């Protein structure tokens, strides 16, 4: 549970900052998705953007936590070799 909090809380904060910077520079009504203009409302675009930023930041934080684990912790669930 502690590791999940280590991943989700910082990624939430960074996603909020990333969304604020992104949507300060870009108008949500001028976005294109696969060559077509986005047809969602501004609030829906902000929400989808936030969750996309959050998922990306959470993946980055999870990868960092994975890289910080030691070999003993990774191999403790591995059955012994015959």
PDB file of N, CA and C in Angstrom:
ATOM      1  N   UNK A   1       0.826  -1.192   0.000  1.00  0.00           N
ATOM      2  CA  UNK A   1       0.000   0.000   0.000  1.00  0.00           C
ATOM      3  C   UNK A   1       0.872   1.258   0.000  1.00  0.00           C
ATOM      4  N   UNK A   2       1.979   1.197   0.758  1.00  0.00           N
ATOM      5  CA  UNK A   2       2.850   2.362   0.844  1.00  0.00           C
ATOM      6  C   UNK A   2       3.449   2.681  -0.526  1.00  0.00           C
ATOM      7  N   UNK A   3       3.842   1.644  -1.253  1.00  0.00           N
ATOM      8  CA  UNK A   3       4.438   1.853  -2.574  1.00  0.00           C
ATOM      9  C   UNK A   3       3.412   2.453  -3.547  1.00  0.00           C
ATOM     10  N   UNK A   4       2.157   2.037  -3.432  1.00  0.00           N
ATOM     11  CA  UNK A   4       1.108   2.597  -4.286  1.00  0.00           C
ATOM     12  C   UNK A   4       0.936   4.094  -4.027  1.00  0.00           C
ATOM     13  N   UNK A   5       1.009   4.499  -2.766  1.00  0.00           N
ATOM     14  CA  UNK A   5       0.928   5.915  -2.425  1.00  0.00           C
ATOM     15  C   UNK A   5       2.144   6.658  -2.948  1.00  0.00           C
ATOM     16  N   UNK A   6       3.327   6.018  -2.875  1.00  0.00           N
ATOM     17  CA  UNK A   6       4.549   6.629  -3.418  1.00  0.00           C
ATOM     18  C   UNK A   6       4.412   6.873  -4.915  1.00  0.00           C
ATOM     19  N   UNK A   7       3.640   6.062  -5.587  1.00  0.00           N
ATOM     20  CA  UNK A   7       3.471   6.200  -7.034  1.00  0.00           C
ATOM     21  C   UNK A   7       2.367   7.198  -7.368  1.00  0.00           C
ATOM     22  N   UNK A   8       1.201   7.047  -6.745  1.00  0.00           N
ATOM     23  CA  UNK A   8       0.026   7.826  -7.164  1.00  0.00           C
ATOM     24  C   UNK A   8       0.044   9.276  -6.688  1.00  0.00           C
ATOM     25  N   UNK A   9       0.521   9.554  -5.476  1.00  0.00           N
ATOM     26  CA  UNK A   9       0.465  10.926  -4.988  1.00  0.00           C
ATOM     27  C   UNK A   9       1.380  11.869  -5.762  1.00  0.00           C
ATOM     28  N   UNK A  10       2.670  11.567  -5.939  1.00  0.00           N
ATOM     29  CA  UNK A  10       3.512  12.490  -6.724  1.00  0.00           C
ATOM     30  C   UNK A  10       3.053  12.607  -8.173  1.00  0.00           C
ATOM     31  N   UNK A  11       2.567  11.497  -8.743  1.00  0.00           N
ATOM     32  CA  UNK A  11       2.104  11.577 -10.130  1.00  0.00           C
ATOM     33  C   UNK A  11       0.846  12.436 -10.242  1.00  0.00           C
ATOM     34  N   UNK A  12      -0.005  12.440  -9.207  1.00  0.00           N
ATOM     35  CA  UNK A  12      -1.187  13.304  -9.187  1.00  0.00           C
ATOM     36  C   UNK A  12      -0.781  14.773  -9.194  1.00  0.00           C
ATOM     37  N   UNK A  13       0.189  15.113  -8.353  1.00  0.00           N
ATOM     38  CA  UNK A  13       0.646  16.507  -8.261  1.00  0.00           C
ATOM     39  C   UNK A  13       1.284  16.952  -9.579  1.00  0.00           C
ATOM     40  N   UNK A  14       2.148  16.124 -10.140  1.00  0.00           N
ATOM     41  CA  UNK A  14       2.818  16.481 -11.396  1.00  0.00           C
ATOM     42  C   UNK A  14       1.815  16.542 -12.539  1.00  0.00           C
ATOM     43  N   UNK A  15       0.822  15.657 -12.554  1.00  0.00           N
ATOM     44  CA  UNK A  15      -0.206  15.699 -13.598  1.00  0.00           C
ATOM     45  C   UNK A  15      -1.002  16.998 -13.525  1.00  0.00           C
ATOM     46  N   UNK A  16      -1.294  17.464 -12.317  1.00  0.00           N
ATOM     47  CA  UNK A  16      -1.987  18.747 -12.173  1.00  0.00           C
ATOM     48  C   UNK A  16      -1.173  19.904 -12.718  1.00  0.00           C
ATOM     49  N   UNK A  17       0.117  19.896 -12.433  1.00  0.00           N
ATOM     50  CA  UNK A  17       0.993  20.949 -12.950  1.00  0.00           C
ATOM     51  C   UNK A  17       1.109  20.852 -14.468  1.00  0.00           C
ATOM     52  N   UNK A  18       1.284  19.626 -14.969  1.00  0.00           N
ATOM     53  CA  UNK A  18       1.413  19.432 -16.424  1.00  0.00           C
ATOM     54  C   UNK A  18       0.146  19.877 -17.154  1.00  0.00           C
ATOM     55  N   UNK A  19      -1.019  19.563 -16.587  1.00  0.00           N
ATOM     56  CA  UNK A  19      -2.259  19.974 -17.225  1.00  0.00           C
ATOM     57  C   UNK A  19      -2.399  21.494 -17.223  1.00  0.00           C
ATOM     58  N   UNK A  20      -2.054  22.123 -16.117  1.00  0.00           N
ATOM     59  CA  UNK A  20      -2.143  23.578 -16.038  1.00  0.00           C
ATOM     60  C   UNK A  20      -1.242  24.240 -17.078  1.00  0.00           C
ATOM     61  N   UNK A  21      -0.023  23.742 -17.203  1.00  0.00           N
ATOM     62  CA  UNK A  21       0.896  24.315 -18.196  1.00  0.00           C
ATOM     63  C   UNK A  21       0.412  24.033 -19.612  1.00  0.00           C
ATOM     64  N   UNK A  22       0.005  22.796 -19.881  1.00  0.00           N
ATOM     65  CA  UNK A  22      -0.433  22.410 -21.232  1.00  0.00           C
ATOM     66  C   UNK A  22      -1.642  23.223 -21.678  1.00  0.00           C
ATOM     67  N   UNK A  23      -2.668  23.295 -20.825  1.00  0.00           N
ATOM     68  CA  UNK A  23      -3.887  23.981 -21.231  1.00  0.00           C
ATOM     69  C   UNK A  23      -3.796  25.498 -21.066  1.00  0.00           C
ATOM     70  N   UNK A  24      -2.739  25.994 -20.466  1.00  0.00           N
ATOM     71  CA  UNK A  24      -2.488  27.433 -20.505  1.00  0.00           C
ATOM     72  C   UNK A  24      -1.987  27.833 -21.888  1.00  0.00           C
ATOM     73  N   UNK A  25      -1.229  26.942 -22.501  1.00  0.00           N
ATOM     74  CA  UNK A  25      -0.652  27.224 -23.816  1.00  0.00           C
ATOM     75  C   UNK A  25      -1.554  26.812 -24.980  1.00  0.00           C
ATOM     76  N   UNK A  26      -2.417  25.815 -24.776  1.00  0.00           N
ATOM     77  CA  UNK A  26      -3.219  25.262 -25.869  1.00  0.00           C
ATOM     78  C   UNK A  26      -4.695  25.316 -25.504  1.00  0.00           C
ATOM     79  N   UNK A  27      -5.504  25.810 -26.424  1.00  0.00           N
ATOM     80  CA  UNK A  27      -6.950  25.862 -26.236  1.00  0.00           C
ATOM     81  C   UNK A  27      -7.537  24.474 -26.503  1.00  0.00           C
ATOM     82  N   UNK A  28      -8.346  23.934 -25.596  1.00  0.00           N
ATOM     83  CA  UNK A  28      -8.891  22.585 -25.791  1.00  0.00           C
ATOM     84  C   UNK A  28      -9.773  22.457 -27.037  1.00  0.00           C
ATOM     85  N   UNK A  29     -10.379  23.534 -27.469  1.00  0.00           N
ATOM     86  CA  UNK A  29     -11.244  23.475 -28.650  1.00  0.00           C
ATOM     87  C   UNK A  29     -10.452  23.453 -29.955  1.00  0.00           C
ATOM     88  N   UNK A  30      -9.148  23.676 -29.890  1.00  0.00           N
ATOM     89  CA  UNK A  30      -8.302  23.660 -31.084  1.00  0.00           C
ATOM     90  C   UNK A  30      -7.478  22.377 -31.207  1.00  0.00           C
ATOM     91  N   UNK A  31      -7.759  21.386 -30.363  1.00  0.00           N
ATOM     92  CA  UNK A  31      -7.034  20.122 -30.421  1.00  0.00           C
ATOM     93  C   UNK A  31      -7.584  19.233 -31.533  1.00  0.00           C
ATOM     94  N   UNK A  32      -6.705  18.455 -32.132  1.00  0.00           N
ATOM     95  CA  UNK A  32      -7.096  17.488 -33.160  1.00  0.00           C
ATOM     96  C   UNK A  32      -6.692  16.103 -32.698  1.00  0.00           C
ATOM     97  N   UNK A  33      -7.556  15.121 -32.942  1.00  0.00           N
ATOM     98  CA  UNK A  33      -7.293  13.735 -32.594  1.00  0.00           C
ATOM     99  C   UNK A  33      -7.487  12.892 -33.849  1.00  0.00           C
ATOM    100  N   UNK A  34      -6.401  12.288 -34.339  1.00  0.00           N
ATOM    101  CA  UNK A  34      -6.405  11.498 -35.572  1.00  0.00           C
ATOM    102  C   UNK A  34      -6.909  12.311 -36.762  1.00  0.00           C
ATOM    103  N   UNK A  35      -6.516  13.564 -36.833  1.00  0.00           N
ATOM    104  CA  UNK A  35      -6.858  14.423 -37.959  1.00  0.00           C
ATOM    105  C   UNK A  35      -8.225  15.079 -37.878  1.00  0.00           C
ATOM    106  N   UNK A  36      -8.997  14.773 -36.864  1.00  0.00           N
ATOM    107  CA  UNK A  36     -10.336  15.349 -36.679  1.00  0.00           C
ATOM    108  C   UNK A  36     -10.334  16.255 -35.452  1.00  0.00           C
ATOM    109  N   UNK A  37     -11.061  17.376 -35.512  1.00  0.00           N
ATOM    110  CA  UNK A  37     -11.140  18.235 -34.317  1.00  0.00           C
ATOM    111  C   UNK A  37     -11.859  17.515 -33.175  1.00  0.00           C
ATOM    112  N   UNK A  38     -11.418  17.789 -31.962  1.00  0.00           N
ATOM    113  CA  UNK A  38     -12.029  17.175 -30.779  1.00  0.00           C
ATOM    114  C   UNK A  38     -13.425  17.749 -30.592  1.00  0.00           C
ATOM    115  N   UNK A  39     -14.411  16.878 -30.382  1.00  0.00           N
ATOM    116  CA  UNK A  39     -15.805  17.308 -30.272  1.00  0.00           C
ATOM    117  C   UNK A  39     -16.319  17.337 -28.829  1.00  0.00           C
ATOM    118  N   UNK A  40     -15.424  17.192 -27.864  1.00  0.00           N
ATOM    119  CA  UNK A  40     -15.825  17.182 -26.460  1.00  0.00           C
ATOM    120  C   UNK A  40     -15.895  18.598 -25.907  1.00  0.00           C
ATOM    121  N   UNK A  41     -16.614  18.761 -24.807  1.00  0.00           N
ATOM    122  CA  UNK A  41     -16.665  20.055 -24.140  1.00  0.00           C
ATOM    123  C   UNK A  41     -15.313  20.360 -23.508  1.00  0.00           C
ATOM    124  N   UNK A  42     -15.124  21.608 -23.114  1.00  0.00           N
ATOM    125  CA  UNK A  42     -13.858  21.991 -22.473  1.00  0.00           C
ATOM    126  C   UNK A  42     -13.627  21.188 -21.194  1.00  0.00           C
ATOM    127  N   UNK A  43     -14.677  21.038 -20.379  1.00  0.00           N
ATOM    128  CA  UNK A  43     -14.529  20.306 -19.116  1.00  0.00           C
ATOM    129  C   UNK A  43     -14.154  18.845 -19.366  1.00  0.00           C
ATOM    130  N   UNK A  44     -14.766  18.228 -20.360  1.00  0.00           N
ATOM    131  CA  UNK A  44     -14.433  16.839 -20.685  1.00  0.00           C
ATOM    132  C   UNK A  44     -12.998  16.732 -21.190  1.00  0.00           C
ATOM    133  N   UNK A  45     -12.570  17.696 -22.003  1.00  0.00           N
ATOM    134  CA  UNK A  45     -11.194  17.682 -22.508  1.00  0.00           C
ATOM    135  C   UNK A  45     -10.202  17.878 -21.369  1.00  0.00           C
ATOM    136  N   UNK A  46     -10.506  18.776 -20.438  1.00  0.00           N
ATOM    137  CA  UNK A  46      -9.639  18.970 -19.275  1.00  0.00           C
ATOM    138  C   UNK A  46      -9.552  17.678 -18.447  1.00  0.00           C
ATOM    139  N   UNK A  47     -10.687  17.024 -18.235  1.00  0.00           N
ATOM    140  CA  UNK A  47     -10.710  15.796 -17.436  1.00  0.00           C
ATOM    141  C   UNK A  47      -9.929  14.673 -18.109  1.00  0.00           C
ATOM    142  N   UNK A  48     -10.173  14.459 -19.392  1.00  0.00           N
ATOM    143  CA  UNK A  48      -9.452  13.419 -20.131  1.00  0.00           C
ATOM    144  C   UNK A  48      -7.958  13.724 -20.143  1.00  0.00           C
ATOM    145  N   UNK A  49      -7.616  14.992 -20.342  1.00  0.00           N
ATOM    146  CA  UNK A  49      -6.212  15.386 -20.329  1.00  0.00           C
ATOM    147  C   UNK A  49      -5.558  15.138 -18.988  1.00  0.00           C
ATOM    148  N   UNK A  50      -6.269  15.463 -17.904  1.00  0.00           N
ATOM    149  CA  UNK A  50      -5.708  15.238 -16.576  1.00  0.00           C
ATOM    150  C   UNK A  50      -5.448  13.759 -16.331  1.00  0.00           C
ATOM    151  N   UNK A  51      -6.425  12.916 -16.656  1.00  0.00           N
ATOM    152  CA  UNK A  51      -6.239  11.486 -16.410  1.00  0.00           C
ATOM    153  C   UNK A  51      -5.161  10.893 -17.313  1.00  0.00           C
ATOM    154  N   UNK A  52      -5.015  11.420 -18.520  1.00  0.00           N
ATOM    155  CA  UNK A  52      -3.931  10.961 -19.400  1.00  0.00           C
ATOM    156  C   UNK A  52      -2.573  11.371 -18.820  1.00  0.00           C
ATOM    157  N   UNK A  53      -2.449  12.606 -18.361  1.00  0.00           N
ATOM    158  CA  UNK A  53      -1.207  13.050 -17.717  1.00  0.00           C
ATOM    159  C   UNK A  53      -0.935  12.239 -16.453  1.00  0.00           C
ATOM    160  N   UNK A  54      -1.981  11.963 -15.682  1.00  0.00           N
ATOM    161  CA  UNK A  54      -1.810  11.203 -14.448  1.00  0.00           C
ATOM    162  C   UNK A  54      -1.327   9.786 -14.745  1.00  0.00           C
ATOM    163  N   UNK A  55      -1.915   9.146 -15.748  1.00  0.00           N
ATOM    164  CA  UNK A  55      -1.493   7.795 -16.122  1.00  0.00           C
ATOM    165  C   UNK A  55      -0.035   7.787 -16.586  1.00  0.00           C
ATOM    166  N   UNK A  56       0.341   8.775 -17.368  1.00  0.00           N
ATOM    167  CA  UNK A  56       1.719   8.851 -17.852  1.00  0.00           C
ATOM    168  C   UNK A  56       2.693   9.073 -16.696  1.00  0.00           C
ATOM    169  N   UNK A  57       2.351   9.974 -15.792  1.00  0.00           N
ATOM    170  CA  UNK A  57       3.216  10.241 -14.639  1.00  0.00           C
ATOM    171  C   UNK A  57       3.249   9.051 -13.688  1.00  0.00           C
ATOM    172  N   UNK A  58       2.128   8.341 -13.522  1.00  0.00           N
ATOM    173  CA  UNK A  58       2.107   7.159 -12.659  1.00  0.00           C
ATOM    174  C   UNK A  58       2.970   6.048 -13.250  1.00  0.00           C
ATOM    175  N   UNK A  59       2.947   5.904 -14.568  1.00  0.00           N
ATOM    176  CA  UNK A  59       3.798   4.905 -15.211  1.00  0.00           C
ATOM    177  C   UNK A  59       5.269   5.243 -14.988  1.00  0.00           C
ATOM    178  N   UNK A  60       5.594   6.509 -15.066  1.00  0.00           N
ATOM    179  CA  UNK A  60       6.971   6.930 -14.821  1.00  0.00           C
ATOM    180  C   UNK A  60       7.378   6.671 -13.375  1.00  0.00           C
ATOM    181  N   UNK A  61       6.515   6.980 -12.431  1.00  0.00           N
ATOM    182  CA  UNK A  61       6.815   6.740 -11.020  1.00  0.00           C
ATOM    183  C   UNK A  61       6.909   5.250 -10.714  1.00  0.00           C
ATOM    184  N   UNK A  62       6.038   4.453 -11.319  1.00  0.00           N
ATOM    185  CA  UNK A  62       6.085   3.004 -11.110  1.00  0.00           C
ATOM    186  C   UNK A  62       7.383   2.419 -11.660  1.00  0.00           C
ATOM    187  N   UNK A  63       7.830   2.913 -12.791  1.00  0.00           N
ATOM    188  CA  UNK A  63       9.084   2.441 -13.362  1.00  0.00           C
ATOM    189  C   UNK A  63      10.258   2.814 -12.461  1.00  0.00           C
ATOM    190  N   UNK A  64      10.206   4.003 -11.885  1.00  0.00           N
ATOM    191  CA  UNK A  64      11.251   4.420 -10.957  1.00  0.00           C
ATOM    192  C   UNK A  64      11.271   3.511  -9.729  1.00  0.00           C
ATOM    193  N   UNK A  65      10.098   3.189  -9.173  1.00  0.00           N
ATOM    194  CA  UNK A  65      10.039   2.280  -8.023  1.00  0.00           C
ATOM    195  C   UNK A  65      10.554   0.898  -8.397  1.00  0.00           C
ATOM    196  N   UNK A  66      10.236   0.439  -9.596  1.00  0.00           N
ATOM    197  CA  UNK A  66      10.727  -0.861 -10.050  1.00  0.00           C
ATOM    198  C   UNK A  66      12.247  -0.862 -10.127  1.00  0.00           C
ATOM    199  N   UNK A  67      12.821   0.220 -10.636  1.00  0.00           N
ATOM    200  CA  UNK A  67      14.277   0.284 -10.760  1.00  0.00           C
ATOM    201  C   UNK A  67      14.975   0.384  -9.408  1.00  0.00           C
ATOM    202  N   UNK A  68      14.267   0.846  -8.390  1.00  0.00           N
ATOM    203  CA  UNK A  68      14.871   0.986  -7.068  1.00  0.00           C
ATOM    204  C   UNK A  68      14.839  -0.300  -6.261  1.00  0.00           C
ATOM    205  N   UNK A  69      14.106  -1.309  -6.699  1.00  0.00           N
ATOM    206  CA  UNK A  69      14.052  -2.553  -5.950  1.00  0.00           C
ATOM    207  C   UNK A  69      15.344  -3.333  -6.142  1.00  0.00           C
ATOM    208  N   UNK A  70      15.774  -3.963  -5.083  1.00  0.00           N
ATOM    209  CA  UNK A  70      17.002  -4.744  -5.125  1.00  0.00           C
ATOM    210  C   UNK A  70      16.762  -6.117  -5.718  1.00  0.00           C
ATOM    211  N   UNK A  71      17.838  -6.800  -6.040  1.00  0.00           N
ATOM    212  CA  UNK A  71      17.717  -8.120  -6.650  1.00  0.00           C
ATOM    213  C   UNK A  71      17.130  -9.132  -5.675  1.00  0.00           C
ATOM    214  N   UNK A  72      17.450  -9.009  -4.392  1.00  0.00           N
ATOM    215  CA  UNK A  72      16.882  -9.943  -3.403  1.00  0.00           C
ATOM    216  C   UNK A  72      15.377  -9.790  -3.301  1.00  0.00           C
ATOM    217  N   UNK A  73      14.897  -8.556  -3.350  1.00  0.00           N
ATOM    218  CA  UNK A  73      13.451  -8.330  -3.256  1.00  0.00           C
ATOM    219  C   UNK A  73      12.749  -8.829  -4.515  1.00  0.00           C
ATOM    220  N   UNK A  74      13.351  -8.672  -5.666  1.00  0.00           N
ATOM    221  CA  UNK A  74      12.749  -9.159  -6.899  1.00  0.00           C
ATOM    222  C   UNK A  74      12.722 -10.678  -6.965  1.00  0.00           C
ATOM    223  N   UNK A  75      13.760 -11.325  -6.439  1.00  0.00           N
ATOM    224  CA  UNK A  75      13.906 -12.773  -6.574  1.00  0.00           C
ATOM    225  C   UNK A  75      13.356 -13.565  -5.398  1.00  0.00           C
ATOM    226  N   UNK A  76      12.781 -12.928  -4.404  1.00  0.00           N
ATOM    227  CA  UNK A  76      12.331 -13.657  -3.228  1.00  0.00           C
ATOM    228  C   UNK A  76      11.131 -14.553  -3.512  1.00  0.00           C
ATOM    229  N   UNK A  77      10.348 -14.288  -4.536  1.00  0.00           N
ATOM    230  CA  UNK A  77       9.190 -15.113  -4.876  1.00  0.00           C
ATOM    231  C   UNK A  77       9.531 -16.172  -5.932  1.00  0.00           C
ATOM    232  N   UNK A  78      10.742 -16.189  -6.392  1.00  0.00           N
ATOM    233  CA  UNK A  78      11.138 -17.137  -7.410  1.00  0.00           C
ATOM    234  C   UNK A  78      11.402 -18.498  -6.760  1.00  0.00           C
ATOM    235  N   UNK A  79      10.797 -19.590  -7.293  1.00  0.00           N
ATOM    236  CA  UNK A  79      11.054 -20.911  -6.708  1.00  0.00           C
ATOM    237  C   UNK A  79      12.504 -21.323  -6.942  1.00  0.00           C
ATOM    238  N   UNK A  80      13.070 -22.125  -6.063  1.00  0.00           N
ATOM    239  CA  UNK A  80      14.465 -22.537  -6.214  1.00  0.00           C
ATOM    240  C   UNK A  80      14.661 -23.377  -7.485  1.00  0.00           C
ATOM    241  N   UNK A  81      15.828 -23.201  -8.074  1.00  0.00           N
ATOM    242  CA  UNK A  81      16.172 -23.948  -9.284  1.00  0.00           C
ATOM    243  C   UNK A  81      16.622 -25.361  -8.896  1.00  0.00           C
ATOM    244  N   UNK A  82      16.247 -26.347  -9.704  1.00  0.00           N
ATOM    245  CA  UNK A  82      16.631 -27.750  -9.430  1.00  0.00           C
ATOM    246  C   UNK A  82      17.986 -28.066  -9.995  1.00  0.00           C
TER     247      UNK A  82
END
